Structure formats: structure tokens, C-alpha cells
Amino acid sequence: VQLQASGGGLVQAGGSLRLSCVASGSVFSIVWMGWYRQVPGSERELVAGLSSGGITDYSDSVKGRITISREQNTLYLLMFSLKPEDTAVYYCKARVVRGSTDDYWGQGTQVTVSS
């Protein structure tokens, strides 16, 4: 599975952004997809996840300000009411089950929120 993330950029506080992550390859084996973010010096943290059954999971820090969704092979993260503390590199991840379980990561996309 290959993942291609896009949609990051510079936005003012209070603004919105939509991140996209296009999956290709063995997409029928994906059981879960999610978005993580990472700032320098910190561990990558889960922002939101979406199972193939439609179950969503959101970090408390973003709940109410972020919506995760998926259309066919593309995972979206709609972020609104952005805060400077949302500034990070955002990564998409896919969990694939084909006998064994493997995780795949996309390249990061930078989100910068100015105050």
C-alpha cells in the first residue's frame, strides 16, 4: 500500500484546512486509516482514526474541530477553528491485514497555523 498525503499549508488561527491521503495498491486489505501529527522533539500522536466499519476515533485535543472521512481510496481530515498548537507535520497511516498486520505511512504534510 502506498499513501500520498497533501493539503497542508499556512493558515491563520481560526481558519480551516482539508488534508487528503490517497491510498493505492492493496487498498482492499485496509482495515483502518488515520492521521497523526508530530512536532519537533515530540512523539507522533494520533489525531483521528477511521475503521473500515466506519468507527471514528478522535484525540481529545481536536475533538469538535476535526472530522475524518473516507471516500473510496482517499482519506480526508477536515480541520476548522485551527489553533497555533495545531501546527505540526501531519501523516496518514493505513493498517493492512493480509494474513499478517502491517502499517504503512504516507509522507508528511506541514500544517502551520499563525496567530
PDB file of N, CA and C in Angstrom:
ATOM      1  N   VAL A   1       0.845  -1.190   0.000  1.00  0.00           N
ATOM      2  CA  VAL A   1       0.000   0.000   0.000  1.00  0.00           C
ATOM      3  C   VAL A   1       0.876   1.234   0.000  1.00  0.00           C
ATOM      4  N   GLN A   2       0.536   2.166  -0.858  1.00  0.00           N
ATOM      5  CA  GLN A   2       1.247   3.452  -0.908  1.00  0.00           C
ATOM      6  C   GLN A   2       0.253   4.543  -0.532  1.00  0.00           C
ATOM      7  N   LEU A   3       0.747   5.513   0.219  1.00  0.00           N
ATOM      8  CA  LEU A   3      -0.090   6.611   0.680  1.00  0.00           C
ATOM      9  C   LEU A   3       0.531   7.929   0.271  1.00  0.00           C
ATOM     10  N   GLN A   4      -0.272   8.809  -0.290  1.00  0.00           N
ATOM     11  CA  GLN A   4       0.191  10.122  -0.736  1.00  0.00           C
ATOM     12  C   GLN A   4      -0.656  11.177  -0.057  1.00  0.00           C
ATOM     13  N   ALA A   5      -0.027  11.922   0.846  1.00  0.00           N
ATOM     14  CA  ALA A   5      -0.745  12.955   1.599  1.00  0.00           C
ATOM     15  C   ALA A   5      -0.527  14.316   0.960  1.00  0.00           C
ATOM     16  N   SER A   6      -1.518  15.181   1.094  1.00  0.00           N
ATOM     17  CA  SER A   6      -1.426  16.542   0.571  1.00  0.00           C
ATOM     18  C   SER A   6      -2.420  17.424   1.310  1.00  0.00           C
ATOM     19  N   GLY A   7      -2.333  18.726   1.057  1.00  0.00           N
ATOM     20  CA  GLY A   7      -3.311  19.650   1.600  1.00  0.00           C
ATOM     21  C   GLY A   7      -2.825  20.551   2.712  1.00  0.00           C
ATOM     22  N   GLY A   8      -1.609  20.338   3.179  1.00  0.00           N
ATOM     23  CA  GLY A   8      -1.094  21.193   4.233  1.00  0.00           C
ATOM     24  C   GLY A   8      -0.804  22.586   3.715  1.00  0.00           C
ATOM     25  N   GLY A   9      -0.501  23.474   4.646  1.00  0.00           N
ATOM     26  CA  GLY A   9      -0.178  24.833   4.259  1.00  0.00           C
ATOM     27  C   GLY A   9      -0.164  25.756   5.456  1.00  0.00           C
ATOM     28  N   LEU A  10      -0.121  27.039   5.151  1.00  0.00           N
ATOM     29  CA  LEU A  10      -0.113  28.079   6.171  1.00  0.00           C
ATOM     30  C   LEU A  10      -1.507  28.685   6.260  1.00  0.00           C
ATOM     31  N   VAL A  11      -2.039  28.752   7.461  1.00  0.00           N
ATOM     32  CA  VAL A  11      -3.379  29.288   7.662  1.00  0.00           C
ATOM     33  C   VAL A  11      -3.394  30.096   8.943  1.00  0.00           C
ATOM     34  N   GLN A  12      -4.235  31.089   9.003  1.00  0.00           N
ATOM     35  CA  GLN A  12      -4.359  31.894  10.213  1.00  0.00           C
ATOM     36  C   GLN A  12      -5.214  31.157  11.249  1.00  0.00           C
ATOM     37  N   ALA A  13      -4.986  31.487  12.475  1.00  0.00           N
ATOM     38  CA  ALA A  13      -5.787  30.908  13.560  1.00  0.00           C
ATOM     39  C   ALA A  13      -7.267  31.168  13.295  1.00  0.00           C
ATOM     40  N   GLY A  14      -8.058  30.137  13.534  1.00  0.00           N
ATOM     41  CA  GLY A  14      -9.484  30.229  13.245  1.00  0.00           C
ATOM     42  C   GLY A  14      -9.860  29.744  11.869  1.00  0.00           C
ATOM     43  N   GLY A  15      -8.854  29.534  11.029  1.00  0.00           N
ATOM     44  CA  GLY A  15      -9.107  29.088   9.666  1.00  0.00           C
ATOM     45  C   GLY A  15      -9.306  27.591   9.581  1.00  0.00           C
ATOM     46  N   SER A  16      -9.394  27.108   8.347  1.00  0.00           N
ATOM     47  CA  SER A  16      -9.632  25.692   8.134  1.00  0.00           C
ATOM     48  C   SER A  16      -8.737  25.162   7.021  1.00  0.00           C
ATOM     49  N   LEU A  17      -8.547  23.857   7.045  1.00  0.00           N
ATOM     50  CA  LEU A  17      -7.777  23.152   6.028  1.00  0.00           C
ATOM     51  C   LEU A  17      -8.373  21.768   5.848  1.00  0.00           C
ATOM     52  N   ARG A  18      -8.204  21.217   4.660  1.00  0.00           N
ATOM     53  CA  ARG A  18      -8.589  19.833   4.436  1.00  0.00           C
ATOM     54  C   ARG A  18      -7.374  19.070   3.907  1.00  0.00           C
ATOM     55  N   LEU A  19      -6.983  18.069   4.650  1.00  0.00           N
ATOM     56  CA  LEU A  19      -5.891  17.206   4.234  1.00  0.00           C
ATOM     57  C   LEU A  19      -6.458  16.002   3.496  1.00  0.00           C
ATOM     58  N   SER A  20      -5.700  15.525   2.522  1.00  0.00           N
ATOM     59  CA  SER A  20      -6.100  14.348   1.758  1.00  0.00           C
ATOM     60  C   SER A  20      -4.989  13.325   1.778  1.00  0.00           C
ATOM     61  N   CYS A  21      -5.369  12.067   1.730  1.00  0.00           N
ATOM     62  CA  CYS A  21      -4.401  10.973   1.681  1.00  0.00           C
ATOM     63  C   CYS A  21      -4.959   9.930   0.727  1.00  0.00           C
ATOM     64  N   VAL A  22      -4.286   9.790  -0.409  1.00  0.00           N
ATOM     65  CA  VAL A  22      -4.733   8.843  -1.419  1.00  0.00           C
ATOM     66  C   VAL A  22      -3.988   7.535  -1.251  1.00  0.00           C
ATOM     67  N   ALA A  23      -4.727   6.461  -1.133  1.00  0.00           N
ATOM     68  CA  ALA A  23      -4.139   5.134  -0.989  1.00  0.00           C
ATOM     69  C   ALA A  23      -4.167   4.408  -2.324  1.00  0.00           C
ATOM     70  N   SER A  24      -3.108   3.673  -2.597  1.00  0.00           N
ATOM     71  CA  SER A  24      -3.042   2.860  -3.810  1.00  0.00           C
ATOM     72  C   SER A  24      -2.400   1.523  -3.461  1.00  0.00           C
ATOM     73  N   GLY A  25      -2.573   0.567  -4.340  1.00  0.00           N
ATOM     74  CA  GLY A  25      -2.056  -0.764  -4.081  1.00  0.00           C
ATOM     75  C   GLY A  25      -3.155  -1.658  -3.527  1.00  0.00           C
ATOM     76  N   SER A  26      -2.835  -2.425  -2.528  1.00  0.00           N
ATOM     77  CA  SER A  26      -3.792  -3.393  -1.962  1.00  0.00           C
ATOM     78  C   SER A  26      -4.764  -2.718  -1.005  1.00  0.00           C
ATOM     79  N   VAL A  27      -5.522  -1.781  -1.517  1.00  0.00           N
ATOM     80  CA  VAL A  27      -6.414  -0.974  -0.664  1.00  0.00           C
ATOM     81  C   VAL A  27      -7.555  -1.803  -0.087  1.00  0.00           C
ATOM     82  N   PHE A  28      -7.893  -2.910  -0.731  1.00  0.00           N
ATOM     83  CA  PHE A  28      -8.995  -3.729  -0.236  1.00  0.00           C
ATOM     84  C   PHE A  28      -8.627  -4.407   1.083  1.00  0.00           C
ATOM     85  N   SER A  29      -7.341  -4.421   1.428  1.00  0.00           N
ATOM     86  CA  SER A  29      -6.877  -5.037   2.671  1.00  0.00           C
ATOM     87  C   SER A  29      -6.766  -4.045   3.820  1.00  0.00           C
ATOM     88  N   ILE A  30      -7.095  -2.783   3.559  1.00  0.00           N
ATOM     89  CA  ILE A  30      -7.001  -1.761   4.608  1.00  0.00           C
ATOM     90  C   ILE A  30      -8.170  -1.927   5.578  1.00  0.00           C
ATOM     91  N   VAL A  31      -7.860  -2.034   6.855  1.00  0.00           N
ATOM     92  CA  VAL A  31      -8.909  -2.173   7.869  1.00  0.00           C
ATOM     93  C   VAL A  31      -9.059  -0.903   8.699  1.00  0.00           C
ATOM     94  N   TRP A  32      -8.077  -0.035   8.616  1.00  0.00           N
ATOM     95  CA  TRP A  32      -8.126   1.189   9.416  1.00  0.00           C
ATOM     96  C   TRP A  32      -7.197   2.219   8.796  1.00  0.00           C
ATOM     97  N   MET A  33      -7.604   3.480   8.828  1.00  0.00           N
ATOM     98  CA  MET A  33      -6.758   4.567   8.385  1.00  0.00           C
ATOM     99  C   MET A  33      -6.853   5.692   9.393  1.00  0.00           C
ATOM    100  N   GLY A  34      -5.776   6.456   9.489  1.00  0.00           N
ATOM    101  CA  GLY A  34      -5.792   7.538  10.452  1.00  0.00           C
ATOM    102  C   GLY A  34      -4.797   8.617  10.120  1.00  0.00           C
ATOM    103  N   TRP A  35      -4.914   9.701  10.847  1.00  0.00           N
ATOM    104  CA  TRP A  35      -3.998  10.828  10.748  1.00  0.00           C
ATOM    105  C   TRP A  35      -3.266  10.996  12.078  1.00  0.00           C
ATOM    106  N   TYR A  36      -1.980  11.201  11.965  1.00  0.00           N
ATOM    107  CA  TYR A  36      -1.131  11.508  13.104  1.00  0.00           C
ATOM    108  C   TYR A  36      -0.484  12.862  12.861  1.00  0.00           C
ATOM    109  N   ARG A  37       0.056  13.444  13.917  1.00  0.00           N
ATOM    110  CA  ARG A  37       0.835  14.651  13.753  1.00  0.00           C
ATOM    111  C   ARG A  37       2.038  14.606  14.680  1.00  0.00           C
ATOM    112  N   GLN A  38       3.031  15.363  14.270  1.00  0.00           N
ATOM    113  CA  GLN A  38       4.282  15.365  15.022  1.00  0.00           C
ATOM    114  C   GLN A  38       4.922  16.741  14.961  1.00  0.00           C
ATOM    115  N   VAL A  39       5.365  17.202  16.128  1.00  0.00           N
ATOM    116  CA  VAL A  39       6.141  18.428  16.191  1.00  0.00           C
ATOM    117  C   VAL A  39       7.562  18.044  16.589  1.00  0.00           C
ATOM    118  N   PRO A  40       8.534  18.854  16.220  1.00  0.00           N
ATOM    119  CA  PRO A  40       9.930  18.520  16.533  1.00  0.00           C
ATOM    120  C   PRO A  40      10.127  18.264  18.021  1.00  0.00           C
ATOM    121  N   GLY A  41      10.814  17.182  18.334  1.00  0.00           N
ATOM    122  CA  GLY A  41      11.111  16.857  19.719  1.00  0.00           C
ATOM    123  C   GLY A  41      10.030  16.081  20.431  1.00  0.00           C
ATOM    124  N   SER A  42       8.929  15.831  19.740  1.00  0.00           N
ATOM    125  CA  SER A  42       7.823  15.088  20.352  1.00  0.00           C
ATOM    126  C   SER A  42       7.520  13.833  19.546  1.00  0.00           C
ATOM    127  N   GLU A  43       6.825  12.918  20.204  1.00  0.00           N
ATOM    128  CA  GLU A  43       6.418  11.702  19.516  1.00  0.00           C
ATOM    129  C   GLU A  43       5.229  11.990  18.604  1.00  0.00           C
ATOM    130  N   ARG A  44       5.086  11.151  17.616  1.00  0.00           N
ATOM    131  CA  ARG A  44       3.944  11.256  16.722  1.00  0.00           C
ATOM    132  C   ARG A  44       2.692  10.864  17.506  1.00  0.00           C
ATOM    133  N   GLU A  45       1.655  11.677  17.392  1.00  0.00           N
ATOM    134  CA  GLU A  45       0.435  11.403  18.138  1.00  0.00           C
ATOM    135  C   GLU A  45      -0.751  11.221  17.196  1.00  0.00           C
ATOM    136  N   LEU A  46      -1.658  10.364  17.606  1.00  0.00           N
ATOM    137  CA  LEU A  46      -2.859  10.114  16.821  1.00  0.00           C
ATOM    138  C   LEU A  46      -3.803  11.315  16.928  1.00  0.00           C
ATOM    139  N   VAL A  47      -4.264  11.765  15.774  1.00  0.00           N
ATOM    140  CA  VAL A  47      -5.230  12.856  15.730  1.00  0.00           C
ATOM    141  C   VAL A  47      -6.642  12.295  15.551  1.00  0.00           C
ATOM    142  N   ALA A  48      -6.782  11.413  14.570  1.00  0.00           N
ATOM    143  CA  ALA A  48      -8.098  10.823  14.286  1.00  0.00           C
ATOM    144  C   ALA A  48      -7.920   9.540  13.512  1.00  0.00           C
ATOM    145  N   GLY A  49      -8.839   8.611  13.710  1.00  0.00           N
ATOM    146  CA  GLY A  49      -8.789   7.341  13.002  1.00  0.00           C
ATOM    147  C   GLY A  49     -10.168   6.940  12.532  1.00  0.00           C
ATOM    148  N   LEU A  50     -10.178   6.095  11.509  1.00  0.00           N
ATOM    149  CA  LEU A  50     -11.435   5.643  10.920  1.00  0.00           C
ATOM    150  C   LEU A  50     -11.275   4.196  10.498  1.00  0.00           C
ATOM    151  N   SER A  51     -12.131   3.337  11.048  1.00  0.00           N
ATOM    152  CA  SER A  51     -12.042   1.925  10.690  1.00  0.00           C
ATOM    153  C   SER A  51     -12.822   1.674   9.401  1.00  0.00           C
ATOM    154  N   SER A  52     -12.576   0.534   8.809  1.00  0.00           N
ATOM    155  CA  SER A  52     -13.293   0.182   7.583  1.00  0.00           C
ATOM    156  C   SER A  52     -14.783  -0.002   7.868  1.00  0.00           C
ATOM    157  N   GLY A  53     -15.131  -0.212   9.131  1.00  0.00           N
ATOM    158  CA  GLY A  53     -16.530  -0.331   9.518  1.00  0.00           C
ATOM    159  C   GLY A  53     -17.182   0.997   9.846  1.00  0.00           C
ATOM    160  N   GLY A  54     -16.401   2.078   9.722  1.00  0.00           N
ATOM    161  CA  GLY A  54     -16.975   3.407   9.926  1.00  0.00           C
ATOM    162  C   GLY A  54     -16.850   3.967  11.328  1.00  0.00           C
ATOM    163  N   ILE A  55     -16.112   3.276  12.175  1.00  0.00           N
ATOM    164  CA  ILE A  55     -15.939   3.766  13.551  1.00  0.00           C
ATOM    165  C   ILE A  55     -14.828   4.805  13.572  1.00  0.00           C
ATOM    166  N   THR A  56     -15.131   5.963  14.161  1.00  0.00           N
ATOM    167  CA  THR A  56     -14.161   7.045  14.238  1.00  0.00           C
ATOM    168  C   THR A  56     -13.615   7.182  15.653  1.00  0.00           C
ATOM    169  N   ASP A  57     -12.439   7.739  15.718  1.00  0.00           N
ATOM    170  CA  ASP A  57     -11.777   7.974  16.993  1.00  0.00           C
ATOM    171  C   ASP A  57     -11.028   9.285  16.880  1.00  0.00           C
ATOM    172  N   TYR A  58     -11.212  10.175  17.847  1.00  0.00           N
ATOM    173  CA  TYR A  58     -10.582  11.478  17.814  1.00  0.00           C
ATOM    174  C   TYR A  58      -9.801  11.730  19.086  1.00  0.00           C
ATOM    175  N   SER A  59      -8.673  12.404  18.927  1.00  0.00           N
ATOM    176  CA  SER A  59      -7.923  12.855  20.088  1.00  0.00           C
ATOM    177  C   SER A  59      -8.736  13.914  20.820  1.00  0.00           C
ATOM    178  N   ASP A  60      -8.642  13.930  22.130  1.00  0.00           N
ATOM    179  CA  ASP A  60      -9.380  14.928  22.915  1.00  0.00           C
ATOM    180  C   ASP A  60      -8.973  16.350  22.545  1.00  0.00           C
ATOM    181  N   SER A  61      -7.735  16.512  22.106  1.00  0.00           N
ATOM    182  CA  SER A  61      -7.230  17.849  21.804  1.00  0.00           C
ATOM    183  C   SER A  61      -7.857  18.444  20.552  1.00  0.00           C
ATOM    184  N   VAL A  62      -8.454  17.613  19.715  1.00  0.00           N
ATOM    185  CA  VAL A  62      -9.024  18.111  18.470  1.00  0.00           C
ATOM    186  C   VAL A  62     -10.509  17.832  18.344  1.00  0.00           C
ATOM    187  N   LYS A  63     -11.065  17.116  19.290  1.00  0.00           N
ATOM    188  CA  LYS A  63     -12.465  16.726  19.203  1.00  0.00           C
ATOM    189  C   LYS A  63     -13.354  17.961  19.062  1.00  0.00           C
ATOM    190  N   GLY A  64     -14.247  17.896  18.105  1.00  0.00           N
ATOM    191  CA  GLY A  64     -15.130  19.032  17.852  1.00  0.00           C
ATOM    192  C   GLY A  64     -14.593  20.005  16.818  1.00  0.00           C
ATOM    193  N   ARG A  65     -13.327  19.866  16.465  1.00  0.00           N
ATOM    194  CA  ARG A  65     -12.715  20.777  15.490  1.00  0.00           C
ATOM    195  C   ARG A  65     -12.212  20.041  14.252  1.00  0.00           C
ATOM    196  N   ILE A  66     -12.319  18.733  14.268  1.00  0.00           N
ATOM    197  CA  ILE A  66     -11.773  17.936  13.173  1.00  0.00           C
ATOM    198  C   ILE A  66     -12.762  16.843  12.792  1.00  0.00           C
ATOM    199  N   THR A  67     -12.866  16.580  11.499  1.00  0.00           N
ATOM    200  CA  THR A  67     -13.697  15.496  11.001  1.00  0.00           C
ATOM    201  C   THR A  67     -12.869  14.626  10.078  1.00  0.00           C
ATOM    202  N   ILE A  68     -12.887  13.332  10.327  1.00  0.00           N
ATOM    203  CA  ILE A  68     -12.194  12.392   9.458  1.00  0.00           C
ATOM    204  C   ILE A  68     -13.230  11.666   8.613  1.00  0.00           C
ATOM    205  N   SER A  69     -12.894  11.459   7.357  1.00  0.00           N
ATOM    206  CA  SER A  69     -13.814  10.763   6.468  1.00  0.00           C
ATOM    207  C   SER A  69     -13.019  10.063   5.379  1.00  0.00           C
ATOM    208  N   ARG A  70     -13.710   9.192   4.677  1.00  0.00           N
ATOM    209  CA  ARG A  70     -13.035   8.458   3.608  1.00  0.00           C
ATOM    210  C   ARG A  70     -14.010   8.298   2.450  1.00  0.00           C
ATOM    211  N   GLU A  71     -13.519   8.552   1.261  1.00  0.00           N
ATOM    212  CA  GLU A  71     -14.270   8.313   0.036  1.00  0.00           C
ATOM    213  C   GLU A  71     -13.424   7.430  -0.863  1.00  0.00           C
ATOM    214  N   GLN A  72     -13.860   6.236  -1.041  1.00  0.00           N
ATOM    215  CA  GLN A  72     -13.139   5.239  -1.831  1.00  0.00           C
ATOM    216  C   GLN A  72     -11.709   5.119  -1.293  1.00  0.00           C
ATOM    217  N   ASN A  73     -10.730   5.496  -2.073  1.00  0.00           N
ATOM    218  CA  ASN A  73      -9.346   5.302  -1.655  1.00  0.00           C
ATOM    219  C   ASN A  73      -8.710   6.543  -1.050  1.00  0.00           C
ATOM    220  N   THR A  74      -9.504   7.561  -0.763  1.00  0.00           N
ATOM    221  CA  THR A  74      -8.948   8.800  -0.231  1.00  0.00           C
ATOM    222  C   THR A  74      -9.467   9.068   1.180  1.00  0.00           C
ATOM    223  N   LEU A  75      -8.527   9.297   2.069  1.00  0.00           N
ATOM    224  CA  LEU A  75      -8.843   9.657   3.445  1.00  0.00           C
ATOM    225  C   LEU A  75      -8.736  11.161   3.581  1.00  0.00           C
ATOM    226  N   TYR A  76      -9.697  11.781   4.243  1.00  0.00           N
ATOM    227  CA  TYR A  76      -9.698  13.221   4.431  1.00  0.00           C
ATOM    228  C   TYR A  76      -9.634  13.564   5.922  1.00  0.00           C
ATOM    229  N   LEU A  77      -9.068  14.721   6.182  1.00  0.00           N
ATOM    230  CA  LEU A  77      -9.101  15.295   7.524  1.00  0.00           C
ATOM    231  C   LEU A  77      -9.486  16.757   7.361  1.00  0.00           C
ATOM    232  N   LEU A  78     -10.703  17.077   7.742  1.00  0.00           N
ATOM    233  CA  LEU A  78     -11.168  18.453   7.685  1.00  0.00           C
ATOM    234  C   LEU A  78     -10.918  19.091   9.042  1.00  0.00           C
ATOM    235  N   MET A  79     -10.126  20.116   9.045  1.00  0.00           N
ATOM    236  CA  MET A  79      -9.774  20.798  10.282  1.00  0.00           C
ATOM    237  C   MET A  79     -10.315  22.223  10.232  1.00  0.00           C
ATOM    238  N   PHE A  80     -11.006  22.644  11.274  1.00  0.00           N
ATOM    239  CA  PHE A  80     -11.504  24.004  11.336  1.00  0.00           C
ATOM    240  C   PHE A  80     -11.245  24.568  12.727  1.00  0.00           C
ATOM    241  N   SER A  81     -11.474  25.875  12.852  1.00  0.00           N
ATOM    242  CA  SER A  81     -11.136  26.567  14.105  1.00  0.00           C
ATOM    243  C   SER A  81      -9.711  26.230  14.530  1.00  0.00           C
ATOM    244  N   LEU A  82      -8.810  26.291  13.567  1.00  0.00           N
ATOM    245  CA  LEU A  82      -7.427  25.898  13.834  1.00  0.00           C
ATOM    246  C   LEU A  82      -6.756  26.819  14.835  1.00  0.00           C
ATOM    247  N   LYS A  83      -5.869  26.223  15.626  1.00  0.00           N
ATOM    248  CA  LYS A  83      -5.123  26.947  16.646  1.00  0.00           C
ATOM    249  C   LYS A  83      -3.632  26.835  16.347  1.00  0.00           C
ATOM    250  N   PRO A  84      -2.835  27.776  16.843  1.00  0.00           N
ATOM    251  CA  PRO A  84      -1.382  27.661  16.620  1.00  0.00           C
ATOM    252  C   PRO A  84      -0.814  26.335  17.106  1.00  0.00           C
ATOM    253  N   GLU A  85      -1.392  25.775  18.151  1.00  0.00           N
ATOM    254  CA  GLU A  85      -0.887  24.498  18.665  1.00  0.00           C
ATOM    255  C   GLU A  85      -1.210  23.317  17.761  1.00  0.00           C
ATOM    256  N   ASP A  86      -1.978  23.544  16.715  1.00  0.00           N
ATOM    257  CA  ASP A  86      -2.215  22.502  15.717  1.00  0.00           C
ATOM    258  C   ASP A  86      -1.078  22.425  14.702  1.00  0.00           C
ATOM    259  N   THR A  87      -0.154  23.368  14.790  1.00  0.00           N
ATOM    260  CA  THR A  87       0.990  23.364  13.884  1.00  0.00           C
ATOM    261  C   THR A  87       1.802  22.101  14.075  1.00  0.00           C
ATOM    262  N   ALA A  88       2.016  21.374  12.991  1.00  0.00           N
ATOM    263  CA  ALA A  88       2.734  20.104  13.042  1.00  0.00           C
ATOM    264  C   ALA A  88       2.863  19.554  11.630  1.00  0.00           C
ATOM    265  N   VAL A  89       3.638  18.499  11.516  1.00  0.00           N
ATOM    266  CA  VAL A  89       3.633  17.712  10.286  1.00  0.00           C
ATOM    267  C   VAL A  89       2.590  16.615  10.474  1.00  0.00           C
ATOM    268  N   TYR A  90       1.694  16.515   9.540  1.00  0.00           N
ATOM    269  CA  TYR A  90       0.598  15.547   9.613  1.00  0.00           C
ATOM    270  C   TYR A  90       0.901  14.366   8.684  1.00  0.00           C
ATOM    271  N   TYR A  91       0.711  13.167   9.220  1.00  0.00           N
ATOM    272  CA  TYR A  91       0.982  11.936   8.486  1.00  0.00           C
ATOM    273  C   TYR A  91      -0.275  11.077   8.432  1.00  0.00           C
ATOM    274  N   CYS A  92      -0.493  10.418   7.317  1.00  0.00           N
ATOM    275  CA  CYS A  92      -1.568   9.443   7.265  1.00  0.00           C
ATOM    276  C   CYS A  92      -0.961   8.037   7.391  1.00  0.00           C
ATOM    277  N   LYS A  93      -1.781   7.168   7.921  1.00  0.00           N
ATOM    278  CA  LYS A  93      -1.354   5.795   8.166  1.00  0.00           C
ATOM    279  C   LYS A  93      -2.473   4.841   7.801  1.00  0.00           C
ATOM    280  N   ALA A  94      -2.093   3.704   7.265  1.00  0.00           N
ATOM    281  CA  ALA A  94      -3.064   2.664   6.931  1.00  0.00           C
ATOM    282  C   ALA A  94      -2.635   1.353   7.572  1.00  0.00           C
ATOM    283  N   ARG A  95      -3.584   0.674   8.165  1.00  0.00           N
ATOM    284  CA  ARG A  95      -3.317  -0.652   8.728  1.00  0.00           C
ATOM    285  C   ARG A  95      -3.912  -1.683   7.775  1.00  0.00           C
ATOM    286  N   VAL A  96      -3.070  -2.604   7.375  1.00  0.00           N
ATOM    287  CA  VAL A  96      -3.447  -3.604   6.384  1.00  0.00           C
ATOM    288  C   VAL A  96      -3.378  -4.985   7.014  1.00  0.00           C
ATOM    289  N   VAL A  97      -4.394  -5.780   6.748  1.00  0.00           N
ATOM    290  CA  VAL A  97      -4.401  -7.154   7.227  1.00  0.00           C
ATOM    291  C   VAL A  97      -4.476  -8.085   6.022  1.00  0.00           C
ATOM    292  N   ARG A  98      -3.390  -8.836   5.831  1.00  0.00           N
ATOM    293  CA  ARG A  98      -3.335  -9.840   4.749  1.00  0.00           C
ATOM    294  C   ARG A  98      -2.614 -11.043   5.301  1.00  0.00           C
ATOM    295  N   GLY A  99      -3.289 -11.693   6.254  1.00  0.00           N
ATOM    296  CA  GLY A  99      -2.600 -12.750   6.979  1.00  0.00           C
ATOM    297  C   GLY A  99      -1.903 -12.136   8.173  1.00  0.00           C
ATOM    298  N   SER A 100      -0.920 -11.304   7.908  1.00  0.00           N
ATOM    299  CA  SER A 100      -0.267 -10.545   8.974  1.00  0.00           C
ATOM    300  C   SER A 100      -0.809  -9.118   8.959  1.00  0.00           C
ATOM    301  N   THR A 101      -0.471  -8.383  10.003  1.00  0.00           N
ATOM    302  CA  THR A 101      -0.900  -6.982  10.107  1.00  0.00           C
ATOM    303  C   THR A 101       0.298  -6.083   9.879  1.00  0.00           C
ATOM    304  N   ASP A 102       0.155  -5.126   8.968  1.00  0.00           N
ATOM    305  CA  ASP A 102       1.240  -4.201   8.666  1.00  0.00           C
ATOM    306  C   ASP A 102       0.708  -2.777   8.632  1.00  0.00           C
ATOM    307  N   ASP A 103       1.535  -1.866   9.030  1.00  0.00           N
ATOM    308  CA  ASP A 103       1.196  -0.449   8.981  1.00  0.00           C
ATOM    309  C   ASP A 103       2.019   0.237   7.898  1.00  0.00           C
ATOM    310  N   TYR A 104       1.353   1.124   7.180  1.00  0.00           N
ATOM    311  CA  TYR A 104       2.010   1.898   6.138  1.00  0.00           C
ATOM    312  C   TYR A 104       1.802   3.387   6.416  1.00  0.00           C
ATOM    313  N   TRP A 105       2.822   4.151   6.113  1.00  0.00           N
ATOM    314  CA  TRP A 105       2.775   5.586   6.360  1.00  0.00           C
ATOM    315  C   TRP A 105       2.937   6.355   5.059  1.00  0.00           C
ATOM    316  N   GLY A 106       2.240   7.465   4.994  1.00  0.00           N
ATOM    317  CA  GLY A 106       2.471   8.396   3.914  1.00  0.00           C
ATOM    318  C   GLY A 106       3.535   9.393   4.325  1.00  0.00           C
ATOM    319  N   GLN A 107       3.969  10.192   3.370  1.00  0.00           N
ATOM    320  CA  GLN A 107       4.910  11.246   3.715  1.00  0.00           C
ATOM    321  C   GLN A 107       4.127  12.333   4.445  1.00  0.00           C
ATOM    322  N   GLY A 108       4.775  13.127   5.193  1.00  0.00           N
ATOM    323  CA  GLY A 108       4.093  14.150   5.971  1.00  0.00           C
ATOM    324  C   GLY A 108       3.712  15.352   5.135  1.00  0.00           C
ATOM    325  N   THR A 109       2.737  16.082   5.646  1.00  0.00           N
ATOM    326  CA  THR A 109       2.365  17.351   5.049  1.00  0.00           C
ATOM    327  C   THR A 109       2.317  18.395   6.170  1.00  0.00           C
ATOM    328  N   GLN A 110       3.007  19.503   5.957  1.00  0.00           N
ATOM    329  CA  GLN A 110       3.175  20.508   7.000  1.00  0.00           C
ATOM    330  C   GLN A 110       1.927  21.382   7.117  1.00  0.00           C
ATOM    331  N   VAL A 111       1.453  21.522   8.335  1.00  0.00           N
ATOM    332  CA  VAL A 111       0.372  22.458   8.649  1.00  0.00           C
ATOM    333  C   VAL A 111       0.930  23.490   9.611  1.00  0.00           C
ATOM    334  N   THR A 112       0.834  24.752   9.239  1.00  0.00           N
ATOM    335  CA  THR A 112       1.307  25.837  10.082  1.00  0.00           C
ATOM    336  C   THR A 112       0.158  26.809  10.320  1.00  0.00           C
ATOM    337  N   VAL A 113      -0.141  27.030  11.592  1.00  0.00           N
ATOM    338  CA  VAL A 113      -1.224  27.930  11.968  1.00  0.00           C
ATOM    339  C   VAL A 113      -0.610  29.155  12.634  1.00  0.00           C
ATOM    340  N   SER A 114      -0.801  30.301  12.035  1.00  0.00           N
ATOM    341  CA  SER A 114      -0.240  31.535  12.585  1.00  0.00           C
ATOM    342  C   SER A 114      -1.248  32.208  13.508  1.00  0.00           C
ATOM    343  N   SER A 115      -0.714  32.856  14.517  1.00  0.00           N
ATOM    344  CA  SER A 115      -1.587  33.522  15.493  1.00  0.00           C
ATOM    345  C   SER A 115      -1.903  34.938  15.071  1.00  0.00           C
TER     346      SER A 115
END
